Amino acid sequence: MDPVVIPILVVVLVVVFLVASTVRIVPQARRYNIERFGRYRRTLQPGLNLVLPVADRINTKLDVREQVYSSDPRPVITEDNLVVNIDTVLYYQITDPRAAAYEVADYLQAIDQLTVTTLRNVIGSMDLEETLTSREEINSRLRAVLDDATGKWGIRVNRVEIKAIDPPHTIKEAMEKQMRAERDKRAAILHAEGERQAKILTAEGTKQKDILEAQGAQQAMILRADGEAKAVELVFQAVHRNNADPKVLAYKYLETLPHLAGSDNNTFWVIPGELTEAVRTVTRAFGDGSAGGPAHPVPSGEAGTAADDTSDAVRIPQLNAGATVSPDAATAADEAGKQAAAAVSDAKAEAEAAKTPQVRRGRTSGG
């Protein structure tokens, strides 16, 4: 081997070593802390960097992206002396690589211990129910304490979340029973409210039904009364238009009275005071043409006796075969008889309303 080649190779190797020791390529989102002769010199940024070979060396390589740290469940005692296991999730980011490397030996362990002590201080001032319902408050207090303490370490705590709060098994059973009782209570309340609404709606429906039925009955009574009034008016007009003979009217008037007396629903019935006058009129009208001989007028004393005894039938003079009545007078007499029957029916209704059975003596024409 040529003696000149060996020194050349040695020089080339030295140059390659020096160049490799001088050039440092830092990836994105990474930071390298450089020490020169054991003392911090600077922090290399992402990209191509030059350092002094042999004199400068890389102490720590840090990742400045946001990172997640999940701690193990830790027992914490609440204000009401119950032990609960709480595990947290921490989101942090390195903002100062020099402080993270030289201000604290192990920043993850430091953050974990600080989280546990802060949790015990916060949870120790709350009871179990408040602990379970105040996660947002616990998170905010934890973040405030951790952010203040880790600021000098070059670390920013972005979020702190409580992942789980596990109370003792007996407390879980008691809470489940309480929740079940609350659900049963709400179910019973909702059922009672439903029944109440159903009853209210049923009552409203019944009320509307009764109102409509009453209005219908009222309209029917009004229409019936209007019809009866028009019928009476027509009868009255027919009687006056045909100029009915008073003798025929008196006869139809007396002809209606036995039907009133023979009704089974009568408690009492009233004999009008015009009865004796009607009897005299009919007797004078048909006394000469009677088939059985002259009809004798009914004395007022006998009329009074018929009025006192409701079981005695009132005797009505009958027309014989030879008696003749004009058609218009007969029609008017029929209508007048219907009118008399209606008047007697009204008198019976008023008597039933009084609810006191009695027989009133009709007043005679002379007395």
Protein backbone atom coordinates (compact mmCIF):
# COMPACT_ATOMS: atom_id res chain seq x y z
CA MET A 1 0.00 0.00 0.00
CA ASP A 2 1.25 3.42 -0.85
CA PRO A 3 2.38 5.33 2.25
CA VAL A 4 0.78 8.53 0.91
CA VAL A 5 -2.71 7.01 0.66
CA ILE A 6 -3.00 6.22 4.36
CA PRO A 7 -2.66 9.83 5.56
CA ILE A 8 -5.16 10.95 2.92
CA LEU A 9 -7.69 8.44 4.15
CA VAL A 10 -7.17 9.55 7.72
CA VAL A 11 -7.72 13.17 6.79
CA VAL A 12 -10.90 12.31 4.89
CA LEU A 13 -12.29 10.36 7.82
CA VAL A 14 -11.57 13.25 10.17
CA VAL A 15 -13.28 15.71 7.87
CA VAL A 16 -16.35 13.47 7.55
CA PHE A 17 -16.52 13.11 11.32
CA LEU A 18 -16.24 16.85 11.86
CA VAL A 19 -18.94 17.58 9.31
CA ALA A 20 -21.26 14.98 10.85
CA SER A 21 -20.62 16.43 14.30
CA THR A 22 -21.24 19.96 13.11
CA VAL A 23 -24.56 19.49 11.27
CA ARG A 24 -27.73 18.79 13.30
CA ILE A 25 -31.16 18.34 11.66
CA VAL A 26 -34.07 18.92 14.05
CA PRO A 27 -37.57 17.53 13.05
CA GLN A 28 -40.71 19.63 13.21
CA ALA A 29 -42.31 20.04 16.67
CA ARG A 30 -39.06 19.02 18.32
CA ARG A 31 -36.60 21.03 20.40
CA TYR A 32 -33.00 20.09 21.23
CA ASN A 33 -31.16 21.59 24.19
CA ILE A 34 -27.44 22.13 23.42
CA GLU A 35 -24.73 22.19 26.13
CA ARG A 36 -21.22 23.45 25.53
CA PHE A 37 -18.72 21.91 27.86
CA GLY A 38 -21.57 20.93 30.20
CA ARG A 39 -23.33 24.30 30.25
CA TYR A 40 -26.61 25.13 28.52
CA ARG A 41 -25.86 27.00 25.34
CA ARG A 42 -29.02 27.21 23.25
CA THR A 43 -32.09 25.35 21.98
CA LEU A 44 -32.05 24.12 18.40
CA GLN A 45 -35.11 24.91 16.31
CA PRO A 46 -36.57 22.64 13.60
CA GLY A 47 -34.41 22.45 10.47
CA LEU A 48 -30.65 22.46 9.74
CA ASN A 49 -28.45 23.65 12.61
CA LEU A 50 -24.66 23.87 13.02
CA VAL A 51 -22.87 23.18 16.25
CA LEU A 52 -19.26 23.00 17.33
CA PRO A 53 -18.04 19.46 17.15
CA VAL A 54 -16.75 17.93 20.32
CA ALA A 55 -17.55 21.11 22.32
CA ASP A 56 -21.36 21.09 21.84
CA ARG A 57 -23.59 18.16 22.64
CA ILE A 58 -27.37 17.50 22.75
CA ASN A 59 -28.62 17.20 26.34
CA THR A 60 -32.42 16.67 25.92
CA LYS A 61 -34.82 16.19 23.03
CA LEU A 62 -38.30 17.49 23.80
CA ASP A 63 -41.66 17.24 21.98
CA VAL A 64 -43.49 20.56 22.08
CA ARG A 65 -46.84 19.19 20.84
CA GLU A 66 -49.85 19.01 23.22
CA GLN A 67 -49.73 15.75 25.11
CA VAL A 68 -52.10 13.70 27.24
CA TYR A 69 -51.27 12.24 30.61
CA SER A 70 -53.71 9.90 32.39
CA SER A 71 -53.10 9.24 36.07
CA ASP A 72 -54.06 6.13 37.99
CA PRO A 73 -57.10 6.20 40.32
CA ARG A 74 -56.23 7.77 43.65
CA PRO A 75 -58.24 7.48 46.89
CA VAL A 76 -59.63 10.78 48.15
CA ILE A 77 -61.66 11.39 51.34
CA THR A 78 -64.71 13.66 51.06
CA GLU A 79 -66.03 16.01 53.71
CA ASP A 80 -68.56 13.39 54.91
CA ASN A 81 -65.71 10.86 55.44
CA LEU A 82 -66.33 8.72 52.37
CA VAL A 83 -63.42 7.35 50.33
CA VAL A 84 -63.79 7.78 46.57
CA ASN A 85 -61.35 6.82 43.82
CA ILE A 86 -60.69 9.59 41.31
CA ASP A 87 -58.61 9.40 38.15
CA THR A 88 -57.86 12.42 36.01
CA VAL A 89 -56.74 13.21 32.46
CA LEU A 90 -54.25 16.03 31.94
CA TYR A 91 -53.63 17.92 28.68
CA TYR A 92 -50.34 19.85 28.73
CA GLN A 93 -47.80 21.42 26.36
CA ILE A 94 -44.11 22.35 26.75
CA THR A 95 -43.66 26.05 26.07
CA ASP A 96 -40.07 26.49 27.32
CA PRO A 97 -37.76 23.53 26.58
CA ARG A 98 -34.93 24.95 28.67
CA ALA A 99 -37.12 25.27 31.82
CA ALA A 100 -38.68 21.85 31.27
CA ALA A 101 -35.20 20.32 31.15
CA TYR A 102 -33.44 22.28 33.89
CA GLU A 103 -36.12 23.58 36.31
CA VAL A 104 -37.60 20.21 37.28
CA ALA A 105 -36.11 16.76 37.24
CA ASP A 106 -39.27 14.85 36.08
CA TYR A 107 -42.10 17.14 35.13
CA LEU A 108 -44.62 14.30 34.62
CA GLN A 109 -44.12 12.98 38.12
CA ALA A 110 -44.27 16.49 39.50
CA ILE A 111 -47.55 17.18 37.68
CA ASP A 112 -49.03 13.88 38.90
CA GLN A 113 -48.21 14.54 42.55
CA LEU A 114 -49.44 18.10 42.33
CA THR A 115 -52.72 16.87 40.85
CA VAL A 116 -53.25 14.37 43.67
CA THR A 117 -52.60 16.89 46.45
CA THR A 118 -54.82 19.50 44.80
CA LEU A 119 -57.64 16.96 44.39
CA ARG A 120 -57.46 16.03 48.05
CA ASN A 121 -57.66 19.67 49.06
CA VAL A 122 -60.63 20.37 46.75
CA ILE A 123 -62.59 17.17 47.39
CA GLY A 124 -61.94 17.38 51.13
CA SER A 125 -64.13 20.48 51.31
CA MET A 126 -67.08 18.83 49.50
CA ASP A 127 -69.50 16.07 50.41
CA LEU A 128 -70.17 13.12 48.11
CA GLU A 129 -73.23 14.56 46.41
CA GLU A 130 -71.51 17.86 45.75
CA THR A 131 -68.46 16.01 44.43
CA LEU A 132 -70.55 14.06 41.93
CA THR A 133 -72.37 17.16 40.71
CA SER A 134 -69.48 19.69 40.70
CA ARG A 135 -67.08 18.31 38.13
CA GLU A 136 -66.78 21.59 36.28
CA GLU A 137 -65.84 23.43 39.46
CA ILE A 138 -63.27 20.77 40.39
CA ASN A 139 -61.75 20.90 36.89
CA SER A 140 -61.44 24.68 36.92
CA ARG A 141 -59.81 24.74 40.37
CA LEU A 142 -57.39 21.98 39.40
CA ARG A 143 -56.41 23.77 36.20
CA ALA A 144 -55.84 27.06 38.03
CA VAL A 145 -53.51 25.44 40.59
CA LEU A 146 -51.60 23.32 38.05
CA ASP A 147 -51.19 26.15 35.56
CA ASP A 148 -49.80 28.41 38.25
CA ALA A 149 -47.35 25.79 39.54
CA THR A 150 -46.16 24.45 36.18
CA GLY A 151 -45.65 27.88 34.62
CA LYS A 152 -42.09 28.14 35.99
CA TRP A 153 -41.37 24.65 34.62
CA GLY A 154 -42.03 25.79 31.08
CA ILE A 155 -45.27 23.77 30.84
CA ARG A 156 -48.78 25.07 30.13
CA VAL A 157 -51.73 22.98 31.38
CA ASN A 158 -54.51 23.39 28.84
CA ARG A 159 -57.20 21.19 30.37
CA VAL A 160 -57.79 18.95 33.36
CA GLU A 161 -60.66 16.48 33.24
CA ILE A 162 -61.94 14.08 35.91
CA LYS A 163 -62.33 10.79 34.11
CA ALA A 164 -64.15 8.84 36.82
CA ILE A 165 -65.35 9.14 40.41
CA ASP A 166 -65.95 5.75 42.00
CA PRO A 167 -67.71 5.79 45.40
CA PRO A 168 -67.81 2.66 47.60
CA HIS A 169 -70.05 -0.26 46.57
CA THR A 170 -72.49 0.26 49.45
CA ILE A 171 -72.88 3.91 48.50
CA LYS A 172 -73.59 2.88 44.91
CA GLU A 173 -76.38 0.56 46.05
CA ALA A 174 -77.90 3.30 48.24
CA MET A 175 -77.74 5.76 45.34
CA GLU A 176 -79.41 3.26 43.01
CA LYS A 177 -82.23 2.74 45.52
CA GLN A 178 -82.66 6.48 45.85
CA MET A 179 -82.78 6.94 42.09
CA ARG A 180 -85.29 4.09 41.78
CA ALA A 181 -87.49 5.69 44.44
CA GLU A 182 -87.29 9.04 42.65
CA ARG A 183 -88.32 7.43 39.36
CA ASP A 184 -91.23 5.64 41.05
CA LYS A 185 -92.28 8.92 42.61
CA ARG A 186 -92.22 10.73 39.27
CA ALA A 187 -94.13 7.87 37.65
CA ALA A 188 -96.82 8.01 40.36
CA ILE A 189 -97.07 11.80 39.99
CA LEU A 190 -97.40 11.55 36.23
CA HIS A 191 -100.04 8.80 36.59
CA ALA A 192 -102.02 10.92 39.06
CA GLU A 193 -101.77 13.94 36.76
CA GLY A 194 -103.05 11.82 33.88
CA GLU A 195 -106.03 10.59 35.89
CA ARG A 196 -106.76 14.14 37.03
CA GLN A 197 -106.71 15.44 33.47
CA ALA A 198 -108.90 12.53 32.34
CA LYS A 199 -111.48 13.26 35.06
CA ILE A 200 -111.44 16.96 34.23
CA LEU A 201 -112.00 16.25 30.55
CA THR A 202 -114.76 13.77 31.36
CA ALA A 203 -116.47 16.30 33.63
CA GLU A 204 -116.16 18.98 30.94
CA GLY A 205 -117.68 16.60 28.40
CA THR A 206 -120.55 15.73 30.73
CA LYS A 207 -121.11 19.42 31.43
CA GLN A 208 -121.22 20.26 27.73
CA LYS A 209 -123.55 17.34 27.11
CA ASP A 210 -125.96 18.46 29.85
CA ILE A 211 -125.85 22.03 28.59
CA LEU A 212 -126.60 20.97 25.04
CA GLU A 213 -129.41 18.65 26.17
CA ALA A 214 -130.90 21.44 28.29
CA GLN A 215 -130.66 23.86 25.38
CA GLY A 216 -132.30 21.30 23.12
CA ALA A 217 -135.10 20.69 25.61
CA GLN A 218 -135.54 24.45 25.98
CA GLN A 219 -135.79 24.95 22.24
CA ALA A 220 -138.24 22.04 21.98
CA MET A 221 -140.44 23.50 24.73
CA ILE A 222 -140.32 26.91 23.08
CA LEU A 223 -141.30 25.46 19.72
CA ARG A 224 -144.05 23.33 21.32
CA ALA A 225 -145.40 26.35 23.18
CA ASP A 226 -145.31 28.40 19.97
CA GLY A 227 -147.23 25.63 18.20
CA GLU A 228 -149.85 25.44 20.93
CA ALA A 229 -150.18 29.22 20.96
CA LYS A 230 -150.69 29.27 17.21
CA ALA A 231 -153.22 26.42 17.49
CA VAL A 232 -155.19 28.31 20.15
CA GLU A 233 -155.02 31.43 18.04
CA LEU A 234 -156.34 29.54 15.01
CA VAL A 235 -159.16 28.05 17.09
CA PHE A 236 -160.06 31.48 18.46
CA GLN A 237 -160.03 32.98 14.98
CA ALA A 238 -162.15 30.11 13.59
CA VAL A 239 -164.75 30.50 16.34
CA HIS A 240 -165.08 34.24 15.82
CA ARG A 241 -164.92 33.99 12.06
CA ASN A 242 -167.78 31.44 11.90
CA ASN A 243 -169.81 33.20 14.63
CA ALA A 244 -170.51 29.93 16.45
CA ASP A 245 -173.79 29.62 18.35
CA PRO A 246 -173.26 29.91 22.14
CA LYS A 247 -175.52 26.90 22.57
CA VAL A 248 -173.15 24.67 20.58
CA LEU A 249 -170.14 26.00 22.50
CA ALA A 250 -171.85 25.26 25.78
CA TYR A 251 -172.63 21.75 24.62
CA LYS A 252 -169.01 21.04 23.60
CA TYR A 253 -167.85 22.54 26.85
CA LEU A 254 -169.98 20.13 28.86
CA GLU A 255 -169.05 17.22 26.61
CA THR A 256 -165.37 17.56 27.60
CA LEU A 257 -165.88 17.47 31.37
CA PRO A 258 -166.65 13.70 31.68
CA HIS A 259 -163.36 12.86 29.95
CA LEU A 260 -161.50 14.91 32.55
CA ALA A 261 -163.30 13.22 35.40
CA GLY A 262 -162.68 9.72 34.02
CA SER A 263 -158.87 10.09 33.81
CA ASP A 264 -156.81 7.82 36.10
CA ASN A 265 -154.13 10.44 36.73
CA ASN A 266 -156.41 13.02 38.27
CA THR A 267 -155.67 13.93 41.85
CA PHE A 268 -158.42 16.51 41.78
CA TRP A 269 -160.22 18.51 39.15
CA VAL A 270 -162.01 21.82 39.27
CA ILE A 271 -165.64 22.36 38.27
CA PRO A 272 -165.89 25.81 36.72
CA GLY A 273 -168.46 28.26 37.97
CA GLU A 274 -170.03 28.49 34.50
CA LEU A 275 -171.18 24.84 34.66
CA THR A 276 -174.77 25.54 35.70
CA GLU A 277 -175.10 28.31 33.14
CA ALA A 278 -173.86 25.95 30.41
CA VAL A 279 -176.31 23.29 31.52
CA ARG A 280 -179.22 25.75 31.38
CA THR A 281 -178.14 26.90 27.91
CA VAL A 282 -177.96 23.36 26.53
CA THR A 283 -181.29 22.47 28.20
CA ARG A 284 -183.05 25.43 26.65
CA ALA A 285 -181.48 24.68 23.25
CA PHE A 286 -182.40 21.03 23.04
CA GLY A 287 -185.30 20.68 25.44
CA ASP A 288 -187.98 20.78 22.72
CA GLY A 289 -186.34 18.28 20.35
CA SER A 290 -185.26 15.61 22.88
CA ALA A 291 -186.28 12.05 22.02
CA GLY A 292 -186.96 11.06 25.57
CA GLY A 293 -189.06 14.07 26.47
CA PRO A 294 -188.27 17.50 27.74
CA ALA A 295 -184.96 17.85 29.53
CA HIS A 296 -185.16 19.21 33.02
CA PRO A 297 -182.72 21.97 33.93
CA VAL A 298 -180.15 21.13 36.57
CA PRO A 299 -180.75 23.08 39.72
CA SER A 300 -177.85 24.90 41.29
CA GLY A 301 -178.08 22.71 44.36
CA GLU A 302 -177.59 19.55 42.29
CA ALA A 303 -174.65 21.20 40.50
CA GLY A 304 -173.08 21.88 43.88
CA THR A 305 -173.57 18.23 44.85
CA ALA A 306 -171.82 17.10 41.64
CA ALA A 307 -168.99 19.43 42.45
CA ASP A 308 -168.52 17.97 45.95
CA ASP A 309 -168.58 14.32 44.87
CA THR A 310 -165.88 13.67 42.23
CA SER A 311 -167.07 10.11 41.65
CA ASP A 312 -170.51 11.17 40.24
CA ALA A 313 -170.59 11.57 36.46
CA VAL A 314 -171.94 14.78 35.03
CA ARG A 315 -175.00 14.17 32.94
CA ILE A 316 -174.84 15.77 29.50
CA PRO A 317 -177.96 16.33 27.36
CA GLN A 318 -177.76 14.28 24.15
CA LEU A 319 -178.91 15.46 20.74
CA ASN A 320 -181.75 13.40 19.34
CA ALA A 321 -181.95 12.13 15.83
CA GLY A 322 -184.20 14.97 14.70
CA ALA A 323 -181.89 17.78 15.85
CA THR A 324 -179.90 19.51 13.12
CA VAL A 325 -176.79 21.74 13.43
CA SER A 326 -175.20 23.78 10.66
CA PRO A 327 -171.76 22.48 9.42
CA ASP A 328 -169.94 25.72 10.26
CA ALA A 329 -171.40 25.71 13.75
CA ALA A 330 -170.41 22.05 14.21
CA THR A 331 -166.81 22.75 13.12
CA ALA A 332 -166.59 25.73 15.40
CA ALA A 333 -168.03 23.64 18.20
CA ASP A 334 -165.39 20.94 17.69
CA GLU A 335 -162.58 23.51 17.79
CA ALA A 336 -164.13 25.16 20.83
CA GLY A 337 -164.25 21.76 22.52
CA LYS A 338 -160.55 21.25 21.84
CA GLN A 339 -159.87 24.67 23.31
CA ALA A 340 -161.93 23.83 26.39
CA ALA A 341 -160.03 20.53 26.78
CA ALA A 342 -156.73 22.40 26.59
CA ALA A 343 -157.90 24.88 29.23
CA VAL A 344 -158.93 22.06 31.54
CA SER A 345 -155.58 20.32 30.98
CA ASP A 346 -153.77 23.52 32.02
CA ALA A 347 -155.94 23.68 35.14
CA LYS A 348 -155.01 20.05 35.94
CA ALA A 349 -151.28 20.84 35.54
CA GLU A 350 -151.53 23.76 37.94
CA ALA A 351 -153.42 21.57 40.39
CA GLU A 352 -150.75 18.85 40.25
CA ALA A 353 -148.09 21.46 40.93
CA ALA A 354 -149.85 22.41 44.15
CA LYS A 355 -149.51 18.74 45.35
CA THR A 356 -152.49 19.14 47.67
CA PRO A 357 -155.49 16.99 46.64
CA GLN A 358 -158.75 18.84 47.11
CA VAL A 359 -162.09 19.50 45.40
CA ARG A 360 -163.08 23.09 44.88
CA ARG A 361 -166.71 23.99 44.61
CA GLY A 362 -167.42 26.05 41.52
CA ARG A 363 -169.26 29.21 41.94
CA THR A 364 -172.77 29.31 40.38
CA SER A 365 -173.98 32.08 38.17
CA GLY A 366 -176.29 33.37 40.86
CA GLY A 367 -173.86 33.25 43.70
